[in-house]
Amino acid sequence: MSTYDVCVLGSFMKDLVASADRRPLPGETLHGTGFAEFLGGKGVNQAVAAARMGARTAIVGTIGDDRYGEEFLELLKADGVHTDWVVRHPELGTGVGLPLVLPDGSNSIIIVSRANAAITSADVEAAAEVLTSSAVLSVQLELPVEASRAALQLASTAGVITILTPAPVGPVDSSLAAFVDILVPNEVEAAALTGLDCDDEAQVPGIARRLADEWDLRGCVITLGSRGAFVLDRAVGEGVRIPAHRVATVDTVGAGDAFCGSLAASLAAGAGLADAVRLANAAGALSTTVNGAADSAPDRLAAMALLDGAGPHLPQRSTLPVGPPGS
């Protein structure tokens, strides 16, 4: 039995969120309509999402020795995420994200890595115990590629299921492919990786197949925002289209991470890929109904209720105890 269900190697980003009616033009100063602070970063978002889905979760990463770093440790402790492998950098501050949210809930984000950029392969190797004793490892691309590669290789060699979210969008080091089981790009990232347009519904299955073949993946999951998701499980052979849920979207920040954290938790519990994506799709949808990043992730009961047609009027965080998957 694995020591942890899910381990996340990822970033810590304090989100300083501005709202506006539109994006400013070059050189323009634009009056915003709101401001808020949230704890985020793809690593933290995914770890919190996995923990709220009932997974025993740990996170590996680097924060600053500052107030933001303390806030992250408090948040993770409250959600039961183990932080023994989080390194505090004495000189660099904790990473920050600067999202701009528009009235329809869509967003653009600038990130400043700060301490996240200081993590090394040596830091990752020091966390080998948790990386190799978890059922699933989830990695993104907000950290230096050397650290991501080291974590994926350690986990893959140990037989851990590895998930990669190729975000932020951009060129992906081809050396990562050998250690990735499941790739989870959104439509923009899938287009960047293949040069093909996911807006064309007819092309999506072919894009997933191409990525699965080129990366020699166990599976490829393309998230399509308001159009749901497409999942290709090579063990099954055929792709499955997962429809979107109709919810009152207010903020899409962190939705993809809520999806990935839920996906990791379900896979750790032994779910098949398509079923794991169905629950992840519900979790991602619910996260858009709440402002913020990490704290917008729903719990397992709320996601299952939406999947079963009883949501999304349920509270995001149930007062009922939710144990590890299968409990």
Protein backbone atom coordinates (compact mmCIF):
# COMPACT_ATOMS: atom_id res chain seq x y z
CA MET A 1 0.00 0.00 0.00
CA SER A 2 1.31 3.45 -0.92
CA THR A 3 2.24 5.83 1.90
CA TYR A 4 0.37 8.63 0.11
CA ASP A 5 -2.35 8.59 -2.51
CA VAL A 6 -1.16 11.72 -4.29
CA CYS A 7 2.11 13.64 -4.30
CA VAL A 8 2.27 16.99 -6.10
CA LEU A 9 5.48 18.62 -7.24
CA GLY A 10 4.53 22.18 -7.95
CA SER A 11 4.47 25.89 -7.39
CA PHE A 12 3.26 28.20 -4.65
CA MET A 13 1.78 31.46 -5.95
CA LYS A 14 0.14 34.18 -3.91
CA ASP A 15 -2.54 35.45 -6.30
CA LEU A 16 -3.20 39.19 -6.37
CA VAL A 17 -6.36 39.29 -8.45
CA ALA A 18 -7.74 42.32 -10.26
CA SER A 19 -11.13 42.42 -11.96
CA ALA A 20 -11.92 44.70 -14.90
CA ASP A 21 -14.49 45.11 -17.64
CA ARG A 22 -11.83 44.43 -20.27
CA ARG A 23 -8.08 43.99 -20.73
CA PRO A 24 -6.08 47.24 -20.93
CA LEU A 25 -4.58 48.30 -24.23
CA PRO A 26 -0.79 48.75 -24.51
CA GLY A 27 0.20 51.88 -22.56
CA GLU A 28 -3.30 52.27 -21.07
CA THR A 29 -4.13 52.67 -17.37
CA LEU A 30 -7.52 51.13 -16.75
CA HIS A 31 -9.77 51.42 -13.71
CA GLY A 32 -10.49 47.99 -12.26
CA THR A 33 -13.74 46.84 -10.72
CA GLY A 34 -12.36 44.75 -7.87
CA PHE A 35 -9.34 43.32 -6.10
CA ALA A 36 -8.75 40.26 -3.91
CA GLU A 37 -5.90 38.10 -2.61
CA PHE A 38 -5.89 34.31 -2.82
CA LEU A 39 -3.46 31.47 -2.27
CA GLY A 40 -2.72 29.58 -5.46
CA GLY A 41 -0.06 28.24 -7.77
CA LYS A 42 -0.70 25.11 -9.79
CA GLY A 43 1.04 22.87 -7.27
CA VAL A 44 -0.89 24.15 -4.27
CA ASN A 45 -4.18 24.20 -6.18
CA GLN A 46 -3.80 20.58 -7.24
CA ALA A 47 -2.68 19.41 -3.80
CA VAL A 48 -5.65 21.07 -2.06
CA ALA A 49 -8.03 19.71 -4.70
CA ALA A 50 -6.71 16.17 -4.25
CA ALA A 51 -6.94 16.40 -0.46
CA ARG A 52 -10.51 17.68 -0.60
CA MET A 53 -11.39 14.71 -2.78
CA GLY A 54 -10.27 12.50 0.09
CA ALA A 55 -6.73 11.61 -1.02
CA ARG A 56 -3.83 11.37 1.41
CA THR A 57 -1.76 14.14 -0.16
CA ALA A 58 1.76 15.53 0.09
CA ILE A 59 3.41 18.43 -1.72
CA VAL A 60 7.02 19.10 -2.73
CA GLY A 61 8.11 22.65 -3.55
CA THR A 62 9.82 25.84 -2.42
CA ILE A 63 8.45 28.92 -0.65
CA GLY A 64 9.99 32.10 0.71
CA ASP A 65 10.72 32.80 4.35
CA ASP A 66 7.96 35.40 4.42
CA ARG A 67 4.34 36.09 5.32
CA TYR A 68 3.01 34.52 2.12
CA GLY A 69 4.94 31.34 2.85
CA GLU A 70 3.36 31.12 6.31
CA GLU A 71 -0.09 31.56 4.80
CA PHE A 72 0.52 28.62 2.48
CA LEU A 73 1.66 26.34 5.28
CA GLU A 74 -1.44 27.23 7.30
CA LEU A 75 -3.75 26.56 4.33
CA LEU A 76 -2.17 23.22 3.53
CA LYS A 77 -2.22 22.12 7.15
CA ALA A 78 -5.92 23.00 7.38
CA ASP A 79 -6.64 20.76 4.36
CA GLY A 80 -4.49 17.93 5.66
CA VAL A 81 -1.77 18.23 3.00
CA HIS A 82 1.63 17.06 4.26
CA THR A 83 4.34 19.73 3.86
CA ASP A 84 7.41 17.96 5.26
CA TRP A 85 9.11 18.27 1.86
CA VAL A 86 8.46 22.00 1.35
CA VAL A 87 11.75 23.95 1.39
CA ARG A 88 11.83 27.53 2.71
CA HIS A 89 14.23 29.77 0.77
CA PRO A 90 15.88 32.36 3.07
CA GLU A 91 16.42 35.05 0.41
CA LEU A 92 13.78 34.76 -2.30
CA GLY A 93 10.16 35.60 -1.62
CA THR A 94 7.22 33.28 -2.22
CA GLY A 95 5.97 33.30 -5.80
CA VAL A 96 3.20 35.66 -6.87
CA GLY A 97 0.54 35.48 -9.57
CA LEU A 98 -1.27 38.46 -11.06
CA PRO A 99 -4.57 37.32 -12.61
CA LEU A 100 -6.92 39.68 -14.44
CA VAL A 101 -10.51 38.41 -14.36
CA LEU A 102 -13.14 39.64 -16.83
CA PRO A 103 -16.92 39.78 -16.22
CA ASP A 104 -17.50 36.43 -17.95
CA GLY A 105 -15.09 34.73 -15.55
CA SER A 106 -12.29 34.28 -18.10
CA ASN A 107 -8.80 35.27 -17.00
CA SER A 108 -5.24 36.08 -18.03
CA ILE A 109 -2.39 35.54 -15.55
CA ILE A 110 1.16 36.84 -15.13
CA ILE A 111 3.32 34.78 -12.76
CA VAL A 112 6.57 35.77 -11.03
CA SER A 113 8.27 32.58 -9.85
CA ARG A 114 10.62 33.91 -7.14
CA ALA A 115 11.33 31.01 -4.72
CA ASN A 116 9.67 28.51 -7.06
CA ALA A 117 12.55 28.99 -9.48
CA ALA A 118 15.10 28.04 -6.81
CA ILE A 119 14.06 24.39 -6.47
CA THR A 120 16.78 22.04 -7.71
CA SER A 121 17.05 18.39 -8.67
CA ALA A 122 18.90 17.92 -5.35
CA ASP A 123 15.80 19.20 -3.50
CA VAL A 124 13.72 16.71 -5.47
CA GLU A 125 16.07 13.83 -4.73
CA ALA A 126 15.83 14.72 -1.02
CA ALA A 127 12.08 14.11 -1.37
CA ALA A 128 12.54 10.72 -3.07
CA GLU A 129 10.82 8.98 -0.16
CA VAL A 130 7.46 10.60 -0.84
CA LEU A 131 7.84 10.74 -4.63
CA THR A 132 8.34 6.99 -4.87
CA SER A 133 5.86 5.90 -2.18
CA SER A 134 2.78 7.67 -3.57
CA ALA A 135 0.23 6.10 -5.88
CA VAL A 136 0.13 9.12 -8.20
CA LEU A 137 2.52 12.01 -8.88
CA SER A 138 1.18 15.21 -10.44
CA VAL A 139 3.60 17.71 -12.02
CA GLN A 140 3.18 21.01 -13.90
CA LEU A 141 5.65 23.30 -15.68
CA GLU A 142 5.81 26.29 -13.32
CA LEU A 143 9.05 24.91 -11.84
CA PRO A 144 12.49 24.47 -13.46
CA VAL A 145 12.42 21.60 -15.95
CA GLU A 146 15.36 19.87 -14.24
CA ALA A 147 13.33 19.49 -11.04
CA SER A 148 10.26 18.30 -12.91
CA ARG A 149 12.28 15.74 -14.87
CA ALA A 150 13.98 14.42 -11.72
CA ALA A 151 10.63 13.96 -9.95
CA LEU A 152 8.94 12.29 -12.91
CA GLN A 153 11.88 9.93 -13.43
CA LEU A 154 12.03 8.92 -9.76
CA ALA A 155 8.30 8.26 -9.63
CA SER A 156 8.06 6.52 -12.99
CA THR A 157 10.93 4.18 -12.16
CA ALA A 158 9.15 3.26 -8.93
CA GLY A 159 5.92 2.40 -10.78
CA VAL A 160 4.04 5.52 -9.64
CA ILE A 161 1.35 6.82 -12.04
CA THR A 162 2.65 10.14 -13.38
CA ILE A 163 0.50 13.03 -14.59
CA LEU A 164 1.86 16.10 -16.37
CA THR A 165 -0.05 19.34 -16.91
CA PRO A 166 1.94 21.14 -19.68
CA ALA A 167 1.28 24.62 -18.28
CA PRO A 168 2.18 27.43 -18.56
CA VAL A 169 1.83 26.97 -22.30
CA GLY A 170 5.06 26.90 -24.29
CA PRO A 171 7.72 24.52 -25.58
CA VAL A 172 7.93 21.31 -23.55
CA ASP A 173 11.26 19.57 -22.98
CA SER A 174 10.98 16.33 -24.95
CA SER A 175 12.99 14.46 -22.29
CA LEU A 176 9.95 14.55 -19.99
CA ALA A 177 7.88 12.32 -22.27
CA ALA A 178 9.62 9.10 -21.26
CA PHE A 179 8.40 9.49 -17.69
CA VAL A 180 4.78 10.64 -18.23
CA ASP A 181 1.81 8.28 -18.11
CA ILE A 182 -1.04 10.77 -18.54
CA LEU A 183 -0.84 14.17 -20.23
CA VAL A 184 -3.54 16.74 -19.34
CA PRO A 185 -3.35 19.81 -21.60
CA ASN A 186 -6.11 22.33 -22.05
CA GLU A 187 -7.16 23.27 -25.58
CA VAL A 188 -4.57 26.07 -25.86
CA GLU A 189 -1.77 23.84 -24.63
CA ALA A 190 -2.81 20.96 -26.89
CA ALA A 191 -2.79 23.32 -29.86
CA ALA A 192 0.68 24.59 -28.92
CA LEU A 193 2.02 21.04 -28.65
CA THR A 194 0.60 19.88 -31.98
CA GLY A 195 -0.01 22.98 -34.09
CA LEU A 196 -3.63 21.85 -34.51
CA ASP A 197 -6.75 23.79 -33.57
CA CYS A 198 -8.93 22.33 -30.80
CA ASP A 199 -11.72 24.76 -31.72
CA ASP A 200 -12.53 22.32 -34.50
CA GLU A 201 -14.46 19.60 -32.66
CA ALA A 202 -13.68 17.06 -35.35
CA GLN A 203 -9.94 17.45 -34.76
CA VAL A 204 -9.92 16.88 -30.99
CA PRO A 205 -9.83 13.04 -31.09
CA GLY A 206 -6.98 13.15 -33.61
CA ILE A 207 -5.06 15.65 -31.47
CA ALA A 208 -5.40 13.40 -28.42
CA ARG A 209 -4.30 10.37 -30.45
CA ARG A 210 -1.32 12.24 -31.86
CA LEU A 211 -0.16 13.34 -28.41
CA ALA A 212 -0.66 9.84 -27.00
CA ASP A 213 1.37 8.30 -29.82
CA GLU A 214 4.16 10.91 -29.85
CA TRP A 215 4.59 10.80 -26.06
CA ASP A 216 3.89 7.05 -25.78
CA LEU A 217 1.30 7.81 -23.13
CA ARG A 218 -1.04 5.60 -21.18
CA GLY A 219 -3.68 8.27 -21.70
CA CYS A 220 -4.30 11.83 -22.87
CA VAL A 221 -6.98 14.11 -21.44
CA ILE A 222 -7.74 17.40 -23.21
CA THR A 223 -9.78 19.84 -21.13
CA LEU A 224 -12.03 22.02 -23.27
CA GLY A 225 -13.41 24.58 -20.81
CA SER A 226 -17.11 25.12 -21.30
CA ARG A 227 -17.14 22.25 -23.83
CA GLY A 228 -16.13 19.62 -21.28
CA ALA A 229 -13.22 17.25 -21.85
CA PHE A 230 -11.98 14.53 -24.17
CA VAL A 231 -10.22 11.47 -22.77
CA LEU A 232 -8.23 8.88 -24.65
CA ASP A 233 -7.25 5.75 -22.72
CA ARG A 234 -4.91 3.71 -24.90
CA ALA A 235 -5.70 0.57 -22.93
CA VAL A 236 -9.30 0.91 -24.08
CA GLY A 237 -8.51 2.27 -27.51
CA GLU A 238 -11.46 4.58 -28.13
CA GLY A 239 -11.76 8.16 -26.96
CA VAL A 240 -14.65 9.40 -24.85
CA ARG A 241 -16.17 12.86 -24.89
CA ILE A 242 -17.16 14.07 -21.41
CA PRO A 243 -19.82 16.84 -21.59
CA ALA A 244 -19.58 20.04 -19.58
CA HIS A 245 -21.75 20.82 -16.55
CA ARG A 246 -23.96 23.90 -16.56
CA VAL A 247 -22.96 26.04 -13.59
CA ALA A 248 -22.97 29.74 -12.71
CA THR A 249 -19.36 30.59 -13.52
CA VAL A 250 -17.81 33.56 -11.71
CA ASP A 251 -14.06 32.83 -11.91
CA THR A 252 -12.17 30.21 -13.91
CA VAL A 253 -8.85 30.67 -12.04
CA GLY A 254 -7.79 27.28 -10.69
CA ALA A 255 -10.45 25.27 -12.54
CA GLY A 256 -7.91 23.22 -14.47
CA ASP A 257 -6.02 22.49 -11.27
CA ALA A 258 -9.18 21.40 -9.45
CA PHE A 259 -9.72 19.05 -12.39
CA CYS A 260 -6.18 17.64 -12.20
CA GLY A 261 -6.16 17.26 -8.43
CA SER A 262 -9.45 15.39 -8.55
CA LEU A 263 -8.18 13.26 -11.44
CA ALA A 264 -5.09 12.27 -9.44
CA ALA A 265 -7.18 11.40 -6.38
CA SER A 266 -9.56 9.20 -8.36
CA LEU A 267 -6.74 7.38 -10.15
CA ALA A 268 -5.05 6.78 -6.79
CA ALA A 269 -8.32 5.24 -5.58
CA GLY A 270 -8.25 2.80 -8.49
CA ALA A 271 -10.76 4.43 -10.86
CA GLY A 272 -10.43 3.93 -14.60
CA LEU A 273 -9.28 6.94 -16.57
CA ALA A 274 -12.65 7.81 -18.12
CA ASP A 275 -14.48 7.55 -14.78
CA ALA A 276 -11.75 9.60 -13.09
CA VAL A 277 -12.18 12.29 -15.75
CA ARG A 278 -15.95 12.36 -15.24
CA LEU A 279 -15.55 13.21 -11.56
CA ALA A 280 -12.69 15.61 -12.30
CA ASN A 281 -14.89 17.38 -14.82
CA ALA A 282 -17.51 17.96 -12.11
CA ALA A 283 -14.85 19.22 -9.68
CA GLY A 284 -13.45 21.63 -12.26
CA ALA A 285 -16.92 22.96 -13.05
CA LEU A 286 -17.76 23.55 -9.38
CA SER A 287 -14.50 25.41 -8.83
CA THR A 288 -15.60 28.06 -11.34
CA THR A 289 -18.58 28.96 -9.13
CA VAL A 290 -16.27 30.28 -6.39
CA ASN A 291 -13.70 33.08 -6.53
CA GLY A 292 -10.06 32.24 -5.95
CA ALA A 293 -7.67 29.44 -6.76
CA ALA A 294 -6.82 26.81 -4.13
CA ASP A 295 -9.84 27.58 -1.97
CA SER A 296 -12.26 27.19 -4.89
CA ALA A 297 -11.70 23.42 -5.06
CA PRO A 298 -14.81 21.46 -4.04
CA ASP A 299 -14.87 18.42 -1.81
CA ARG A 300 -15.69 14.90 -2.94
CA LEU A 301 -19.33 14.98 -1.83
CA ALA A 302 -20.09 18.17 -3.76
CA ALA A 303 -18.40 16.89 -6.94
CA MET A 304 -20.23 13.57 -6.75
CA ALA A 305 -23.53 15.36 -6.18
CA LEU A 306 -23.04 17.45 -9.33
CA LEU A 307 -22.04 14.35 -11.27
CA ASP A 308 -25.17 12.58 -10.06
CA GLY A 309 -27.38 15.55 -10.94
CA ALA A 310 -28.03 16.74 -7.38
CA GLY A 311 -25.77 19.83 -7.50
CA PRO A 312 -24.45 22.46 -7.76
CA HIS A 313 -26.54 24.00 -4.99
CA LEU A 314 -24.62 22.02 -2.35
CA PRO A 315 -22.01 23.82 -0.27
CA GLN A 316 -18.47 23.65 -1.63
CA ARG A 317 -17.07 22.15 1.58
CA SER A 318 -19.25 19.55 3.27
CA THR A 319 -19.44 19.45 7.06
CA LEU A 320 -19.47 15.65 6.84
CA PRO A 321 -16.14 13.86 7.27
CA VAL A 322 -14.61 12.64 4.01
CA GLY A 323 -11.95 9.95 4.37
CA PRO A 324 -9.42 8.61 1.88
CA PRO A 325 -10.76 7.21 -1.42
CA GLY A 326 -12.48 3.93 -0.83
CA SER A 327 -13.07 4.61 2.85
